[in-house]
Amino acid sequence: MPTIAIVGAGPGMGLSIAKLFGRHGFQVALIARGKDNLDALVAELAASGTTAAGFLADVSDLPALTAALDQAAERFGGIDVLEYSPHSGLTMVNPPEVTVDNLQPAIQHLLYGAVTATQAVLPAMLAAGTGTLLYTTGGGAINPYPMLATLNTAQAALRNWVHNLHNALAGQGVHAAIVAINLLPSATAPAGVPHSGPDDIAQVYWDLHTRRDRPEHLVTA
């Protein structure tokens, strides 16, 4: 059975992606920093008939992230799809207030974590001549929000790298793509707030995996 590894798994988008891939016959490796969260997700997936296991790691701890993905690959016999979407929070910083110190955590969390996760799974994918690498960012990676300068800078760096990775891997059987979510990923929201249910957005990830026809999809109202 094929396996998807979801880095930054939670009860929102991560669970919806896991359920969708599970319905298509995938085993699911869930990577997150909270044991209780992982246990709850594994139990919910098991109840729906999906084989899943949790692996503890904080994406800012790069050796731990690599170890978790190595453990997942050993547990399931390999990783066919990587999905990287850790929650990065919403630290408010305006562009003139950006410093190396307050930018570093966002870069570490989003870019360094994504690169580390990719390096943990990409060699095996290239050796097999097949695989999918999916990443999640926000709409501010494309059109930045002034109050989210550090987050958007890191998101834009991730987006740039994924596009470059997509081009570099062309013809080698491995597809890399990024999903930019420019609305609230929720089935409900306050009046006037653009939103879409996680189950609906999850379909984008499945389409990118199966169609393999583009490096990016913008989810917007």
Protein backbone atom coordinates (compact mmCIF):
# COMPACT_ATOMS: atom_id res chain seq x y z
CA MET A 1 0.00 0.00 0.00
CA PRO A 2 1.23 3.53 -0.71
CA THR A 3 1.97 5.88 2.19
CA ILE A 4 1.51 9.60 2.72
CA ALA A 5 3.49 11.38 5.43
CA ILE A 6 1.77 14.50 6.76
CA VAL A 7 4.14 16.84 8.60
CA GLY A 8 2.39 19.19 11.00
CA ALA A 9 -0.71 16.99 11.22
CA GLY A 10 -3.66 18.45 13.10
CA PRO A 11 -7.44 18.10 13.34
CA GLY A 12 -8.10 20.51 10.46
CA MET A 13 -6.40 20.30 7.07
CA GLY A 14 -4.05 17.51 8.10
CA LEU A 15 -6.89 15.21 9.12
CA SER A 16 -8.92 16.02 6.01
CA ILE A 17 -5.96 15.23 3.75
CA ALA A 18 -5.29 12.03 5.69
CA LYS A 19 -8.89 10.87 5.38
CA LEU A 20 -9.03 11.59 1.67
CA PHE A 21 -5.80 9.78 0.86
CA GLY A 22 -6.85 6.98 3.21
CA ARG A 23 -10.06 6.49 1.23
CA HIS A 24 -7.87 6.05 -1.82
CA GLY A 25 -5.92 3.23 -0.22
CA PHE A 26 -3.06 5.11 1.43
CA GLN A 27 -1.48 4.38 4.77
CA VAL A 28 -0.87 7.56 6.76
CA ALA A 29 2.18 8.63 8.76
CA LEU A 30 1.32 11.60 10.97
CA ILE A 31 4.11 13.83 12.27
CA ALA A 32 3.44 16.46 14.93
CA ARG A 33 4.85 17.67 18.24
CA GLY A 34 1.97 16.61 20.52
CA LYS A 35 1.36 12.99 21.51
CA ASP A 36 -2.27 13.53 22.52
CA ASN A 37 -3.00 15.15 19.17
CA LEU A 38 -1.36 12.27 17.29
CA ASP A 39 -3.15 9.62 19.31
CA ALA A 40 -6.52 11.26 18.63
CA LEU A 41 -5.83 11.53 14.90
CA VAL A 42 -4.66 7.92 14.63
CA ALA A 43 -7.78 6.74 16.46
CA GLU A 44 -10.10 8.74 14.22
CA LEU A 45 -8.42 7.46 11.08
CA ALA A 46 -8.53 3.88 12.37
CA ALA A 47 -12.27 4.26 12.99
CA SER A 48 -12.70 5.14 9.32
CA GLY A 49 -10.63 2.16 8.19
CA THR A 50 -7.33 3.92 7.47
CA THR A 51 -4.07 2.48 8.75
CA ALA A 52 -2.14 5.27 10.47
CA ALA A 53 0.66 5.85 12.96
CA GLY A 54 1.98 8.92 14.73
CA PHE A 55 5.58 10.08 15.03
CA LEU A 56 6.64 12.84 17.41
CA ALA A 57 8.73 15.74 16.11
CA ASP A 58 8.77 19.53 16.21
CA VAL A 59 9.61 20.84 12.72
CA SER A 60 12.00 23.35 14.27
CA ASP A 61 14.05 20.43 15.60
CA LEU A 62 15.57 19.35 12.29
CA PRO A 63 17.30 16.14 13.50
CA ALA A 64 14.06 15.03 15.21
CA LEU A 65 12.09 15.73 12.03
CA THR A 66 14.49 13.63 9.96
CA ALA A 67 14.35 10.83 12.54
CA ALA A 68 10.54 10.84 12.54
CA LEU A 69 10.37 10.55 8.76
CA ASP A 70 12.97 7.79 8.79
CA GLN A 71 10.89 5.93 11.39
CA ALA A 72 7.77 6.41 9.30
CA ALA A 73 9.49 5.07 6.18
CA GLU A 74 10.70 2.04 8.11
CA ARG A 75 7.27 1.44 9.66
CA PHE A 76 5.39 1.61 6.36
CA GLY A 77 8.06 0.45 3.91
CA GLY A 78 8.62 3.86 2.33
CA ILE A 79 6.93 7.21 1.76
CA ASP A 80 5.21 7.86 -1.56
CA VAL A 81 3.76 11.31 -0.81
CA LEU A 82 5.06 14.01 1.52
CA GLU A 83 2.70 16.76 2.63
CA TYR A 84 4.28 19.59 4.64
CA SER A 85 1.92 21.96 6.47
CA PRO A 86 2.98 22.81 10.02
CA HIS A 87 0.98 25.52 11.79
CA SER A 88 3.20 28.59 11.99
CA GLY A 89 1.03 30.97 13.99
CA LEU A 90 0.24 34.61 13.20
CA THR A 91 2.93 36.78 14.73
CA MET A 92 2.17 40.40 13.86
CA VAL A 93 5.23 42.22 12.48
CA ASN A 94 5.16 45.13 10.02
CA PRO A 95 7.83 45.29 7.26
CA PRO A 96 9.93 48.08 8.84
CA GLU A 97 10.04 46.07 12.08
CA VAL A 98 11.51 42.92 10.54
CA THR A 99 14.86 41.89 12.00
CA VAL A 100 17.03 38.83 11.60
CA ASP A 101 15.96 37.76 15.08
CA ASN A 102 12.20 37.90 14.52
CA LEU A 103 12.43 36.52 10.98
CA GLN A 104 14.52 33.51 11.94
CA PRO A 105 11.74 31.48 13.65
CA ALA A 106 9.48 31.70 10.60
CA ILE A 107 12.31 30.74 8.23
CA GLN A 108 13.29 27.85 10.52
CA HIS A 109 9.72 26.60 10.81
CA LEU A 110 8.61 26.89 7.21
CA LEU A 111 11.64 26.80 4.93
CA TYR A 112 14.28 24.87 6.87
CA GLY A 113 11.70 22.36 8.04
CA ALA A 114 10.41 21.82 4.50
CA VAL A 115 13.91 21.38 3.10
CA THR A 116 14.79 18.94 5.87
CA ALA A 117 11.62 16.89 5.37
CA THR A 118 12.23 16.80 1.64
CA GLN A 119 15.80 15.61 2.01
CA ALA A 120 14.57 12.80 4.24
CA VAL A 121 12.28 11.36 1.54
CA LEU A 122 13.52 12.60 -1.84
CA PRO A 123 16.51 10.25 -2.37
CA ALA A 124 14.26 7.17 -2.14
CA MET A 125 11.70 8.77 -4.44
CA LEU A 126 14.34 9.54 -7.04
CA ALA A 127 15.72 6.02 -6.78
CA ALA A 128 12.22 4.63 -7.36
CA GLY A 129 11.47 7.14 -10.12
CA THR A 130 8.17 8.17 -8.52
CA GLY A 131 6.81 10.29 -5.69
CA THR A 132 4.92 13.45 -4.80
CA LEU A 133 6.03 16.40 -2.67
CA LEU A 134 3.24 18.74 -1.52
CA TYR A 135 3.63 21.88 0.56
CA THR A 136 1.20 24.36 2.09
CA THR A 137 1.57 28.10 2.35
CA GLY A 138 -0.68 31.13 2.71
CA GLY A 139 -1.91 33.61 0.15
CA GLY A 140 0.47 36.17 1.65
CA ALA A 141 3.29 34.33 -0.10
CA ILE A 142 1.91 35.79 -3.33
CA ASN A 143 0.32 39.05 -2.19
CA PRO A 144 1.75 39.89 1.24
CA TYR A 145 -0.19 41.31 4.16
CA PRO A 146 1.64 44.24 5.82
CA MET A 147 1.05 42.99 9.36
CA LEU A 148 2.44 39.51 8.60
CA ALA A 149 5.83 40.52 7.22
CA THR A 150 7.94 37.79 8.83
CA LEU A 151 5.46 35.00 8.10
CA ASN A 152 4.86 36.11 4.52
CA THR A 153 8.60 36.42 3.86
CA ALA A 154 9.15 32.83 4.96
CA GLN A 155 6.11 31.67 3.00
CA ALA A 156 7.37 33.40 -0.13
CA ALA A 157 10.78 31.78 0.30
CA LEU A 158 9.13 28.38 0.58
CA ARG A 159 7.00 29.05 -2.51
CA ASN A 160 10.03 30.14 -4.53
CA TRP A 161 11.98 27.03 -3.54
CA VAL A 162 9.08 24.69 -4.36
CA HIS A 163 8.70 26.18 -7.83
CA ASN A 164 12.44 25.77 -8.36
CA LEU A 165 12.27 22.20 -7.04
CA HIS A 166 9.37 21.42 -9.35
CA ASN A 167 11.39 22.54 -12.35
CA ALA A 168 14.52 20.69 -11.28
CA LEU A 169 12.64 17.41 -10.80
CA ALA A 170 10.84 17.53 -14.14
CA GLY A 171 11.29 14.27 -16.01
CA GLN A 172 12.51 12.34 -12.96
CA GLY A 173 9.15 10.97 -11.85
CA VAL A 174 8.81 13.16 -8.74
CA HIS A 175 6.21 15.93 -8.72
CA ALA A 176 6.59 18.93 -6.40
CA ALA A 177 3.78 21.44 -5.89
CA ILE A 178 2.53 24.01 -3.39
CA VAL A 179 -0.96 24.96 -2.23
CA ALA A 180 -1.46 28.61 -1.27
CA ILE A 181 -4.54 28.98 0.94
CA ASN A 182 -5.83 32.56 0.87
CA LEU A 183 -8.91 32.08 3.06
CA LEU A 184 -9.92 30.52 6.35
CA PRO A 185 -9.80 26.70 6.06
CA SER A 186 -12.99 26.11 8.02
CA ALA A 187 -16.51 24.94 7.32
CA THR A 188 -17.81 27.99 9.22
CA ALA A 189 -16.55 31.54 9.73
CA PRO A 190 -17.71 34.94 10.98
CA ALA A 191 -19.82 36.95 8.55
CA GLY A 192 -17.75 38.39 5.73
CA VAL A 193 -14.73 36.13 6.27
CA PRO A 194 -13.89 34.07 3.15
CA HIS A 195 -13.67 30.38 4.01
CA SER A 196 -13.80 26.87 2.64
CA GLY A 197 -14.11 23.54 4.41
CA PRO A 198 -10.92 21.51 4.94
CA ASP A 199 -12.52 18.50 3.23
CA ASP A 200 -13.07 20.59 0.10
CA ILE A 201 -9.54 22.02 0.14
CA ALA A 202 -8.09 18.53 0.64
CA GLN A 203 -9.31 17.62 -2.83
CA VAL A 204 -6.77 20.08 -4.24
CA TYR A 205 -3.95 17.99 -2.78
CA TRP A 206 -5.34 14.80 -4.28
CA ASP A 207 -5.68 16.49 -7.67
CA LEU A 208 -2.10 17.74 -7.56
CA HIS A 209 -0.91 14.24 -6.68
CA THR A 210 -2.89 12.49 -9.41
CA ARG A 211 -2.90 15.03 -12.24
CA ARG A 212 0.69 16.23 -11.76
CA ASP A 213 -0.01 19.08 -14.15
CA ARG A 214 1.02 22.24 -12.25
CA PRO A 215 3.41 23.44 -9.54
CA GLU A 216 0.89 25.56 -7.63
CA HIS A 217 -2.77 25.95 -6.74
CA LEU A 218 -4.19 29.09 -5.15
CA VAL A 219 -7.23 28.49 -2.95
CA THR A 220 -9.20 31.72 -2.80
CA ALA A 221 -12.76 32.98 -2.56
